[in-house]
Amino acid sequence: MKKLGLICFFAFAVLPLASGLVYALLYSFGLVGALSQGWDGHAWRQTLQDAGFWTSMGLSLGIATGVLVLATGLALWLVFVLQTEMENPRFRFLFHFPLAIPPMVAAFVSFQWLGNSGMLARWGASLGASDSPENFPVLINDSLYLGVSITLLLGTFPFLFLVLHSHFKSANLLQISDLASTLGANTRQIRCKILAPILLQRAAPTLLLYGIFLLGAYEVPLLLGRQNPAMISMFIHQKFNRFNLSDLPVAYVATVLYALLVMGLVFFFFRKKRGL
């Protein structure tokens, strides 16, 4: 059964992804596809010299890293302070409920709340924080991608909280906390030097995978982000859907580079973990 499971995994998961990546690589060099004219590295040179591509890649990395760090920090803090409350099933439901909301729906809800005509702007105007809803700080399609970051953050930290809380219980960290307290450690030392490192180490693979998910986020940037500069997913989407067919090889180059970045992150993580 184990061998059968591995065969099915490679047949239905690894092989399609690998085939798609090989096709994208061949297309980017002009070896396959409607525009194929033989080996041609023009698309690679064009993409590597395109400041917009690197801006999009850097923007995606920045947002993914920032959201992941903030969500992890918030989740850790809540794990420490909500241990008693999490025994209540109704309270746990509050953290499970956001996981059932698709990213497209979450983006639409954020648009209704964070837009210049949204609930937050109207409340701000009614409380005197701004002269009118139109003068409320821009949080949608803004240059700082605040709307995108807030929406991704609100969808990320409940999941990470549940993951870290599960590790907290499975590792019996409450007993470890009591033991450290008995030996003279204060609350800050217990949380920062004992609990947090253990939880982060146990949850590291999940954090890596979720960071990759944030890096490739599509629906939220599509509705709440700018078209220029765009996150890498939107950059690739724009190149694929333009009427100029010469942008297709560029789209495949960007796809290959994005895939190489993801594989590099995964390889570096597991190599470092194995070294430990």
C-alpha atoms as a PDB file:
ATOM      1  CA  MET A   1       0.000   0.000   0.000  1.00  0.00           C
ATOM      2  CA  LYS A   2       2.862   2.348   0.747  1.00  0.00           C
ATOM      3  CA  LYS A   3       4.367   1.865  -2.714  1.00  0.00           C
ATOM      4  CA  LEU A   4       0.944   2.311  -4.314  1.00  0.00           C
ATOM      5  CA  GLY A   5       0.479   5.546  -2.391  1.00  0.00           C
ATOM      6  CA  LEU A   6       3.867   6.850  -3.584  1.00  0.00           C
ATOM      7  CA  ILE A   7       3.032   5.925  -7.177  1.00  0.00           C
ATOM      8  CA  CYS A   8      -0.302   7.762  -6.986  1.00  0.00           C
ATOM      9  CA  PHE A   9       1.380  10.781  -5.389  1.00  0.00           C
ATOM     10  CA  PHE A  10       3.976  11.054  -8.134  1.00  0.00           C
ATOM     11  CA  ALA A  11       1.421  10.345 -10.874  1.00  0.00           C
ATOM     12  CA  PHE A  12      -1.194  12.858  -9.767  1.00  0.00           C
ATOM     13  CA  ALA A  13       0.870  15.491  -7.917  1.00  0.00           C
ATOM     14  CA  VAL A  14       4.548  15.534  -8.872  1.00  0.00           C
ATOM     15  CA  LEU A  15       4.329  14.541 -12.549  1.00  0.00           C
ATOM     16  CA  PRO A  16       1.770  17.205 -13.625  1.00  0.00           C
ATOM     17  CA  LEU A  17       3.709  19.952 -11.847  1.00  0.00           C
ATOM     18  CA  ALA A  18       7.019  18.790 -13.266  1.00  0.00           C
ATOM     19  CA  SER A  19       5.532  18.510 -16.772  1.00  0.00           C
ATOM     20  CA  GLY A  20       4.103  22.013 -16.541  1.00  0.00           C
ATOM     21  CA  LEU A  21       7.425  23.415 -15.372  1.00  0.00           C
ATOM     22  CA  VAL A  22       9.331  21.680 -18.186  1.00  0.00           C
ATOM     23  CA  TYR A  23       6.833  22.986 -20.754  1.00  0.00           C
ATOM     24  CA  ALA A  24       7.160  26.520 -19.356  1.00  0.00           C
ATOM     25  CA  LEU A  25      10.949  26.256 -19.528  1.00  0.00           C
ATOM     26  CA  LEU A  26      10.876  25.029 -23.138  1.00  0.00           C
ATOM     27  CA  TYR A  27       8.365  27.726 -24.124  1.00  0.00           C
ATOM     28  CA  SER A  28      10.484  30.443 -22.517  1.00  0.00           C
ATOM     29  CA  PHE A  29      13.399  29.425 -24.761  1.00  0.00           C
ATOM     30  CA  GLY A  30      11.216  29.274 -27.881  1.00  0.00           C
ATOM     31  CA  LEU A  31      11.463  25.502 -28.303  1.00  0.00           C
ATOM     32  CA  VAL A  32       7.701  24.790 -28.134  1.00  0.00           C
ATOM     33  CA  GLY A  33       4.500  26.739 -28.580  1.00  0.00           C
ATOM     34  CA  ALA A  34       2.865  28.836 -31.287  1.00  0.00           C
ATOM     35  CA  LEU A  35       5.793  31.278 -31.367  1.00  0.00           C
ATOM     36  CA  SER A  36       8.454  28.584 -31.535  1.00  0.00           C
ATOM     37  CA  GLN A  37      11.319  29.472 -33.888  1.00  0.00           C
ATOM     38  CA  GLY A  38      14.127  27.506 -32.290  1.00  0.00           C
ATOM     39  CA  TRP A  39      16.411  28.295 -29.399  1.00  0.00           C
ATOM     40  CA  ASP A  40      16.008  31.940 -28.352  1.00  0.00           C
ATOM     41  CA  GLY A  41      17.005  33.562 -25.063  1.00  0.00           C
ATOM     42  CA  HIS A  42      15.430  36.942 -25.840  1.00  0.00           C
ATOM     43  CA  ALA A  43      12.536  36.418 -23.378  1.00  0.00           C
ATOM     44  CA  TRP A  44      14.980  35.608 -20.582  1.00  0.00           C
ATOM     45  CA  ARG A  45      17.065  38.690 -21.263  1.00  0.00           C
ATOM     46  CA  GLN A  46      13.946  40.825 -21.462  1.00  0.00           C
ATOM     47  CA  THR A  47      12.566  39.506 -18.175  1.00  0.00           C
ATOM     48  CA  LEU A  48      15.829  39.685 -16.255  1.00  0.00           C
ATOM     49  CA  GLN A  49      16.283  43.303 -17.380  1.00  0.00           C
ATOM     50  CA  ASP A  50      12.672  44.222 -16.609  1.00  0.00           C
ATOM     51  CA  ALA A  51      12.525  46.387 -13.488  1.00  0.00           C
ATOM     52  CA  GLY A  52       8.801  45.695 -13.210  1.00  0.00           C
ATOM     53  CA  PHE A  53       9.405  41.974 -12.748  1.00  0.00           C
ATOM     54  CA  TRP A  54      11.893  42.488  -9.931  1.00  0.00           C
ATOM     55  CA  THR A  55       9.635  45.087  -8.331  1.00  0.00           C
ATOM     56  CA  SER A  56       6.765  42.605  -8.382  1.00  0.00           C
ATOM     57  CA  MET A  57       8.945  39.836  -6.966  1.00  0.00           C
ATOM     58  CA  GLY A  58      10.296  42.088  -4.214  1.00  0.00           C
ATOM     59  CA  LEU A  59       6.812  43.382  -3.412  1.00  0.00           C
ATOM     60  CA  SER A  60       5.455  39.846  -3.085  1.00  0.00           C
ATOM     61  CA  LEU A  61       8.366  38.756  -0.910  1.00  0.00           C
ATOM     62  CA  GLY A  62       7.979  41.827   1.300  1.00  0.00           C
ATOM     63  CA  ILE A  63       4.238  41.410   1.789  1.00  0.00           C
ATOM     64  CA  ALA A  64       4.486  37.643   2.353  1.00  0.00           C
ATOM     65  CA  THR A  65       7.303  38.050   4.882  1.00  0.00           C
ATOM     66  CA  GLY A  66       5.644  40.940   6.699  1.00  0.00           C
ATOM     67  CA  VAL A  67       2.256  39.235   6.935  1.00  0.00           C
ATOM     68  CA  LEU A  68       3.815  35.939   8.036  1.00  0.00           C
ATOM     69  CA  VAL A  69       5.921  37.601  10.757  1.00  0.00           C
ATOM     70  CA  LEU A  70       3.007  39.672  12.093  1.00  0.00           C
ATOM     71  CA  ALA A  71       0.576  36.747  11.950  1.00  0.00           C
ATOM     72  CA  THR A  72       3.051  34.427  13.682  1.00  0.00           C
ATOM     73  CA  GLY A  73       3.763  36.967  16.413  1.00  0.00           C
ATOM     74  CA  LEU A  74       0.063  37.603  17.001  1.00  0.00           C
ATOM     75  CA  ALA A  75      -0.702  33.877  16.985  1.00  0.00           C
ATOM     76  CA  LEU A  76       2.093  33.175  19.488  1.00  0.00           C
ATOM     77  CA  TRP A  77       0.858  35.881  21.835  1.00  0.00           C
ATOM     78  CA  LEU A  78      -2.710  34.581  21.671  1.00  0.00           C
ATOM     79  CA  VAL A  79      -1.542  31.016  22.342  1.00  0.00           C
ATOM     80  CA  PHE A  80       0.086  32.247  25.538  1.00  0.00           C
ATOM     81  CA  VAL A  81      -2.866  34.285  26.820  1.00  0.00           C
ATOM     82  CA  LEU A  82      -5.883  32.238  25.654  1.00  0.00           C
ATOM     83  CA  GLN A  83      -5.117  28.774  26.976  1.00  0.00           C
ATOM     84  CA  THR A  84      -8.083  28.741  29.346  1.00  0.00           C
ATOM     85  CA  GLU A  85     -10.530  30.201  26.823  1.00  0.00           C
ATOM     86  CA  MET A  86      -9.569  27.616  24.179  1.00  0.00           C
ATOM     87  CA  GLU A  87     -11.126  24.897  26.326  1.00  0.00           C
ATOM     88  CA  ASN A  88     -14.501  26.321  25.286  1.00  0.00           C
ATOM     89  CA  PRO A  89     -15.664  24.839  21.926  1.00  0.00           C
ATOM     90  CA  ARG A  90     -17.667  27.973  21.103  1.00  0.00           C
ATOM     91  CA  PHE A  91     -14.595  30.117  21.571  1.00  0.00           C
ATOM     92  CA  ARG A  92     -12.503  27.809  19.361  1.00  0.00           C
ATOM     93  CA  PHE A  93     -15.152  28.210  16.662  1.00  0.00           C
ATOM     94  CA  LEU A  94     -14.204  31.896  16.376  1.00  0.00           C
ATOM     95  CA  PHE A  95     -10.802  30.845  15.016  1.00  0.00           C
ATOM     96  CA  HIS A  96     -12.127  28.057  12.812  1.00  0.00           C
ATOM     97  CA  PHE A  97     -14.766  30.204  11.132  1.00  0.00           C
ATOM     98  CA  PRO A  98     -12.346  32.464   9.138  1.00  0.00           C
ATOM     99  CA  LEU A  99     -10.775  29.357   7.595  1.00  0.00           C
ATOM    100  CA  ALA A 100     -14.059  28.628   5.807  1.00  0.00           C
ATOM    101  CA  ILE A 101     -14.059  31.991   4.012  1.00  0.00           C
ATOM    102  CA  PRO A 102     -12.583  31.809   0.467  1.00  0.00           C
ATOM    103  CA  PRO A 103      -9.979  34.469  -0.393  1.00  0.00           C
ATOM    104  CA  MET A 104     -12.293  36.008  -3.015  1.00  0.00           C
ATOM    105  CA  VAL A 105     -15.049  36.467  -0.435  1.00  0.00           C
ATOM    106  CA  ALA A 106     -12.570  37.837   2.116  1.00  0.00           C
ATOM    107  CA  ALA A 107     -11.354  40.377  -0.447  1.00  0.00           C
ATOM    108  CA  PHE A 108     -14.922  41.437  -1.219  1.00  0.00           C
ATOM    109  CA  VAL A 109     -15.692  41.881   2.499  1.00  0.00           C
ATOM    110  CA  SER A 110     -12.500  43.923   2.956  1.00  0.00           C
ATOM    111  CA  PHE A 111     -13.517  46.112   0.032  1.00  0.00           C
ATOM    112  CA  GLN A 112     -16.864  46.798   1.727  1.00  0.00           C
ATOM    113  CA  TRP A 113     -15.148  47.705   4.987  1.00  0.00           C
ATOM    114  CA  LEU A 114     -11.902  49.397   3.945  1.00  0.00           C
ATOM    115  CA  GLY A 115     -12.951  51.286   0.802  1.00  0.00           C
ATOM    116  CA  ASN A 116     -13.554  55.048   0.767  1.00  0.00           C
ATOM    117  CA  SER A 117     -17.284  54.342   0.749  1.00  0.00           C
ATOM    118  CA  GLY A 118     -17.006  51.436   3.185  1.00  0.00           C
ATOM    119  CA  MET A 119     -18.098  51.019   6.763  1.00  0.00           C
ATOM    120  CA  LEU A 120     -14.787  52.094   8.300  1.00  0.00           C
ATOM    121  CA  ALA A 121     -14.713  55.348   6.308  1.00  0.00           C
ATOM    122  CA  ARG A 122     -18.321  56.124   7.245  1.00  0.00           C
ATOM    123  CA  TRP A 123     -17.695  55.475  10.912  1.00  0.00           C
ATOM    124  CA  GLY A 124     -14.574  57.640  10.764  1.00  0.00           C
ATOM    125  CA  ALA A 125     -16.564  60.493   9.238  1.00  0.00           C
ATOM    126  CA  SER A 126     -19.369  60.147  11.784  1.00  0.00           C
ATOM    127  CA  LEU A 127     -16.862  60.230  14.660  1.00  0.00           C
ATOM    128  CA  GLY A 128     -15.077  63.268  13.234  1.00  0.00           C
ATOM    129  CA  ALA A 129     -11.884  61.468  12.225  1.00  0.00           C
ATOM    130  CA  SER A 130     -12.331  62.790   8.663  1.00  0.00           C
ATOM    131  CA  ASP A 131     -14.443  65.439   6.958  1.00  0.00           C
ATOM    132  CA  SER A 132     -16.163  62.897   4.704  1.00  0.00           C
ATOM    133  CA  PRO A 133     -15.807  59.214   3.771  1.00  0.00           C
ATOM    134  CA  GLU A 134     -13.931  60.245   0.613  1.00  0.00           C
ATOM    135  CA  ASN A 135     -11.202  61.887   2.731  1.00  0.00           C
ATOM    136  CA  PHE A 136     -10.600  58.761   4.818  1.00  0.00           C
ATOM    137  CA  PRO A 137      -7.092  57.282   4.414  1.00  0.00           C
ATOM    138  CA  VAL A 138      -6.897  55.120   1.303  1.00  0.00           C
ATOM    139  CA  LEU A 139      -6.678  51.427   2.193  1.00  0.00           C
ATOM    140  CA  ILE A 140      -7.794  49.899  -1.116  1.00  0.00           C
ATOM    141  CA  ASN A 141      -5.574  50.003  -4.230  1.00  0.00           C
ATOM    142  CA  ASP A 142      -3.083  51.988  -2.151  1.00  0.00           C
ATOM    143  CA  SER A 143       0.627  52.272  -2.862  1.00  0.00           C
ATOM    144  CA  LEU A 144       1.541  50.570   0.443  1.00  0.00           C
ATOM    145  CA  TYR A 145      -0.761  47.577  -0.184  1.00  0.00           C
ATOM    146  CA  LEU A 146      -2.301  48.052   3.261  1.00  0.00           C
ATOM    147  CA  GLY A 147      -5.670  46.608   2.237  1.00  0.00           C
ATOM    148  CA  VAL A 148      -4.021  43.509   0.805  1.00  0.00           C
ATOM    149  CA  SER A 149      -1.791  43.075   3.854  1.00  0.00           C
ATOM    150  CA  ILE A 150      -4.642  43.527   6.345  1.00  0.00           C
ATOM    151  CA  THR A 151      -6.854  41.032   4.517  1.00  0.00           C
ATOM    152  CA  LEU A 152      -4.074  38.440   4.262  1.00  0.00           C
ATOM    153  CA  LEU A 153      -3.166  38.989   7.913  1.00  0.00           C
ATOM    154  CA  LEU A 154      -6.749  38.474   9.116  1.00  0.00           C
ATOM    155  CA  GLY A 155      -6.949  35.253   7.120  1.00  0.00           C
ATOM    156  CA  THR A 156      -3.543  33.967   8.206  1.00  0.00           C
ATOM    157  CA  PHE A 157      -3.255  34.399  11.955  1.00  0.00           C
ATOM    158  CA  PRO A 158      -6.337  32.272  12.907  1.00  0.00           C
ATOM    159  CA  PHE A 159      -4.849  29.315  11.044  1.00  0.00           C
ATOM    160  CA  LEU A 160      -1.404  29.799  12.567  1.00  0.00           C
ATOM    161  CA  PHE A 161      -2.964  30.221  15.992  1.00  0.00           C
ATOM    162  CA  LEU A 162      -4.724  26.868  15.695  1.00  0.00           C
ATOM    163  CA  VAL A 163      -1.515  25.206  14.470  1.00  0.00           C
ATOM    164  CA  LEU A 164       0.579  26.645  17.301  1.00  0.00           C
ATOM    165  CA  HIS A 165      -2.104  25.848  19.873  1.00  0.00           C
ATOM    166  CA  SER A 166      -2.138  22.231  18.673  1.00  0.00           C
ATOM    167  CA  HIS A 167       1.645  22.020  19.066  1.00  0.00           C
ATOM    168  CA  PHE A 168       1.386  23.666  22.491  1.00  0.00           C
ATOM    169  CA  LYS A 169      -0.924  20.906  23.688  1.00  0.00           C
ATOM    170  CA  SER A 170       0.846  17.998  21.977  1.00  0.00           C
ATOM    171  CA  ALA A 171       4.241  19.023  23.373  1.00  0.00           C
ATOM    172  CA  ASN A 172       2.884  19.388  26.925  1.00  0.00           C
ATOM    173  CA  LEU A 173       4.277  22.900  27.116  1.00  0.00           C
ATOM    174  CA  LEU A 174       1.978  23.822  29.984  1.00  0.00           C
ATOM    175  CA  GLN A 175       3.819  21.353  32.216  1.00  0.00           C
ATOM    176  CA  ILE A 176       7.149  22.656  30.931  1.00  0.00           C
ATOM    177  CA  SER A 177       6.034  26.197  31.791  1.00  0.00           C
ATOM    178  CA  ASP A 178       5.126  25.142  35.313  1.00  0.00           C
ATOM    179  CA  LEU A 179       8.498  23.424  35.733  1.00  0.00           C
ATOM    180  CA  ALA A 180      10.400  26.481  34.472  1.00  0.00           C
ATOM    181  CA  SER A 181       8.396  28.695  36.811  1.00  0.00           C
ATOM    182  CA  THR A 182       9.248  26.415  39.724  1.00  0.00           C
ATOM    183  CA  LEU A 183      12.948  26.763  38.845  1.00  0.00           C
ATOM    184  CA  GLY A 184      12.686  30.561  39.014  1.00  0.00           C
ATOM    185  CA  ALA A 185      12.017  31.694  35.439  1.00  0.00           C
ATOM    186  CA  ASN A 186       9.638  34.619  35.012  1.00  0.00           C
ATOM    187  CA  THR A 187       6.768  34.773  32.521  1.00  0.00           C
ATOM    188  CA  ARG A 188       8.753  36.666  29.878  1.00  0.00           C
ATOM    189  CA  GLN A 189      11.672  34.241  30.040  1.00  0.00           C
ATOM    190  CA  ILE A 190       9.357  31.238  29.810  1.00  0.00           C
ATOM    191  CA  ARG A 191       7.561  32.602  26.757  1.00  0.00           C
ATOM    192  CA  CYS A 192      10.511  34.050  24.857  1.00  0.00           C
ATOM    193  CA  LYS A 193      13.290  31.574  25.670  1.00  0.00           C
ATOM    194  CA  ILE A 194      11.412  28.294  26.084  1.00  0.00           C
ATOM    195  CA  LEU A 195       7.922  28.213  24.607  1.00  0.00           C
ATOM    196  CA  ALA A 196       8.358  30.379  21.501  1.00  0.00           C
ATOM    197  CA  PRO A 197      11.496  28.570  20.191  1.00  0.00           C
ATOM    198  CA  ILE A 198       9.868  25.161  20.701  1.00  0.00           C
ATOM    199  CA  LEU A 199       6.642  26.189  18.977  1.00  0.00           C
ATOM    200  CA  LEU A 200       8.429  27.884  16.068  1.00  0.00           C
ATOM    201  CA  GLN A 201      10.672  24.885  15.507  1.00  0.00           C
ATOM    202  CA  ARG A 202       7.744  22.452  15.491  1.00  0.00           C
ATOM    203  CA  ALA A 203       5.643  24.672  13.225  1.00  0.00           C
ATOM    204  CA  ALA A 204       8.492  25.650  10.865  1.00  0.00           C
ATOM    205  CA  PRO A 205       7.358  23.469   7.893  1.00  0.00           C
ATOM    206  CA  THR A 206       3.831  24.856   8.148  1.00  0.00           C
ATOM    207  CA  LEU A 207       5.146  28.421   8.330  1.00  0.00           C
ATOM    208  CA  LEU A 208       7.266  27.827   5.234  1.00  0.00           C
ATOM    209  CA  LEU A 209       4.360  26.412   3.229  1.00  0.00           C
ATOM    210  CA  TYR A 210       2.027  29.195   4.302  1.00  0.00           C
ATOM    211  CA  GLY A 211       4.667  31.765   3.415  1.00  0.00           C
ATOM    212  CA  ILE A 212       4.815  30.258  -0.084  1.00  0.00           C
ATOM    213  CA  PHE A 213       1.024  30.470  -0.234  1.00  0.00           C
ATOM    214  CA  LEU A 214       1.166  34.169   0.691  1.00  0.00           C
ATOM    215  CA  LEU A 215       3.895  34.749  -1.878  1.00  0.00           C
ATOM    216  CA  GLY A 216       1.614  33.469  -4.633  1.00  0.00           C
ATOM    217  CA  ALA A 217      -1.618  35.067  -3.377  1.00  0.00           C
ATOM    218  CA  TYR A 218      -3.867  35.982  -6.302  1.00  0.00           C
ATOM    219  CA  GLU A 219      -7.510  36.758  -5.445  1.00  0.00           C
ATOM    220  CA  VAL A 220      -6.814  39.365  -2.741  1.00  0.00           C
ATOM    221  CA  PRO A 221      -4.247  41.361  -4.795  1.00  0.00           C
ATOM    222  CA  LEU A 222      -6.562  41.102  -7.803  1.00  0.00           C
ATOM    223  CA  LEU A 223      -9.405  42.917  -6.030  1.00  0.00           C
ATOM    224  CA  LEU A 224      -7.573  45.084  -3.511  1.00  0.00           C
ATOM    225  CA  GLY A 225      -4.113  45.691  -4.976  1.00  0.00           C
ATOM    226  CA  ARG A 226      -2.724  47.906  -7.705  1.00  0.00           C
ATOM    227  CA  GLN A 227      -2.098  46.848 -11.270  1.00  0.00           C
ATOM    228  CA  ASN A 228       1.280  48.583 -11.238  1.00  0.00           C
ATOM    229  CA  PRO A 229       3.326  47.679  -9.331  1.00  0.00           C
ATOM    230  CA  ALA A 230       1.605  44.328  -9.008  1.00  0.00           C
ATOM    231  CA  MET A 231       2.400  41.264  -6.954  1.00  0.00           C
ATOM    232  CA  ILE A 232       4.126  38.482  -8.856  1.00  0.00           C
ATOM    233  CA  SER A 233       0.931  36.489  -9.378  1.00  0.00           C
ATOM    234  CA  MET A 234      -0.742  39.507 -10.977  1.00  0.00           C
ATOM    235  CA  PHE A 235       2.385  40.276 -13.030  1.00  0.00           C
ATOM    236  CA  ILE A 236       2.324  36.774 -14.528  1.00  0.00           C
ATOM    237  CA  HIS A 237      -1.439  36.943 -15.065  1.00  0.00           C
ATOM    238  CA  GLN A 238      -1.105  40.245 -16.918  1.00  0.00           C
ATOM    239  CA  LYS A 239       1.577  38.847 -19.209  1.00  0.00           C
ATOM    240  CA  PHE A 240      -0.509  35.762 -20.000  1.00  0.00           C
ATOM    241  CA  ASN A 241      -3.651  37.739 -20.831  1.00  0.00           C
ATOM    242  CA  ARG A 242      -2.297  40.564 -22.952  1.00  0.00           C
ATOM    243  CA  PHE A 243      -3.140  40.667 -26.627  1.00  0.00           C
ATOM    244  CA  ASN A 244       0.554  40.954 -27.472  1.00  0.00           C
ATOM    245  CA  LEU A 245       1.657  37.350 -28.054  1.00  0.00           C
ATOM    246  CA  SER A 246       5.295  38.317 -27.550  1.00  0.00           C
ATOM    247  CA  ASP A 247       4.518  38.656 -23.829  1.00  0.00           C
ATOM    248  CA  LEU A 248       3.749  34.938 -23.547  1.00  0.00           C
ATOM    249  CA  PRO A 249       7.415  33.826 -23.368  1.00  0.00           C
ATOM    250  CA  VAL A 250       7.983  36.521 -20.729  1.00  0.00           C
ATOM    251  CA  ALA A 251       5.080  35.103 -18.714  1.00  0.00           C
ATOM    252  CA  TYR A 252       6.642  31.633 -18.884  1.00  0.00           C
ATOM    253  CA  VAL A 253      10.037  32.994 -17.854  1.00  0.00           C
ATOM    254  CA  ALA A 254       8.455  34.717 -14.842  1.00  0.00           C
ATOM    255  CA  THR A 255       6.664  31.474 -13.988  1.00  0.00           C
ATOM    256  CA  VAL A 256       9.891  29.475 -14.130  1.00  0.00           C
ATOM    257  CA  LEU A 257      11.753  32.028 -12.005  1.00  0.00           C
ATOM    258  CA  TYR A 258       8.940  32.039  -9.454  1.00  0.00           C
ATOM    259  CA  ALA A 259       8.993  28.218  -9.341  1.00  0.00           C
ATOM    260  CA  LEU A 260      12.777  28.237  -8.910  1.00  0.00           C
ATOM    261  CA  LEU A 261      12.438  30.708  -6.026  1.00  0.00           C
ATOM    262  CA  VAL A 262       9.890  28.480  -4.291  1.00  0.00           C
ATOM    263  CA  MET A 263      11.994  25.353  -4.809  1.00  0.00           C
ATOM    264  CA  GLY A 264      15.051  27.217  -3.577  1.00  0.00           C
ATOM    265  CA  LEU A 265      13.263  28.233  -0.381  1.00  0.00           C
ATOM    266  CA  VAL A 266      12.107  24.665   0.232  1.00  0.00           C
ATOM    267  CA  PHE A 267      15.568  23.217  -0.512  1.00  0.00           C
ATOM    268  CA  PHE A 268      17.304  25.749   1.757  1.00  0.00           C
ATOM    269  CA  PHE A 269      14.836  25.089   4.583  1.00  0.00           C
ATOM    270  CA  PHE A 270      15.145  21.304   4.555  1.00  0.00           C
ATOM    271  CA  ARG A 271      18.913  21.429   4.104  1.00  0.00           C
ATOM    272  CA  LYS A 272      19.227  23.729   7.088  1.00  0.00           C
ATOM    273  CA  LYS A 273      16.850  21.587   9.117  1.00  0.00           C
ATOM    274  CA  ARG A 274      18.807  18.439   8.249  1.00  0.00           C
ATOM    275  CA  GLY A 275      22.005  20.213   9.269  1.00  0.00           C
ATOM    276  CA  LEU A 276      20.496  20.886  12.653  1.00  0.00           C
END
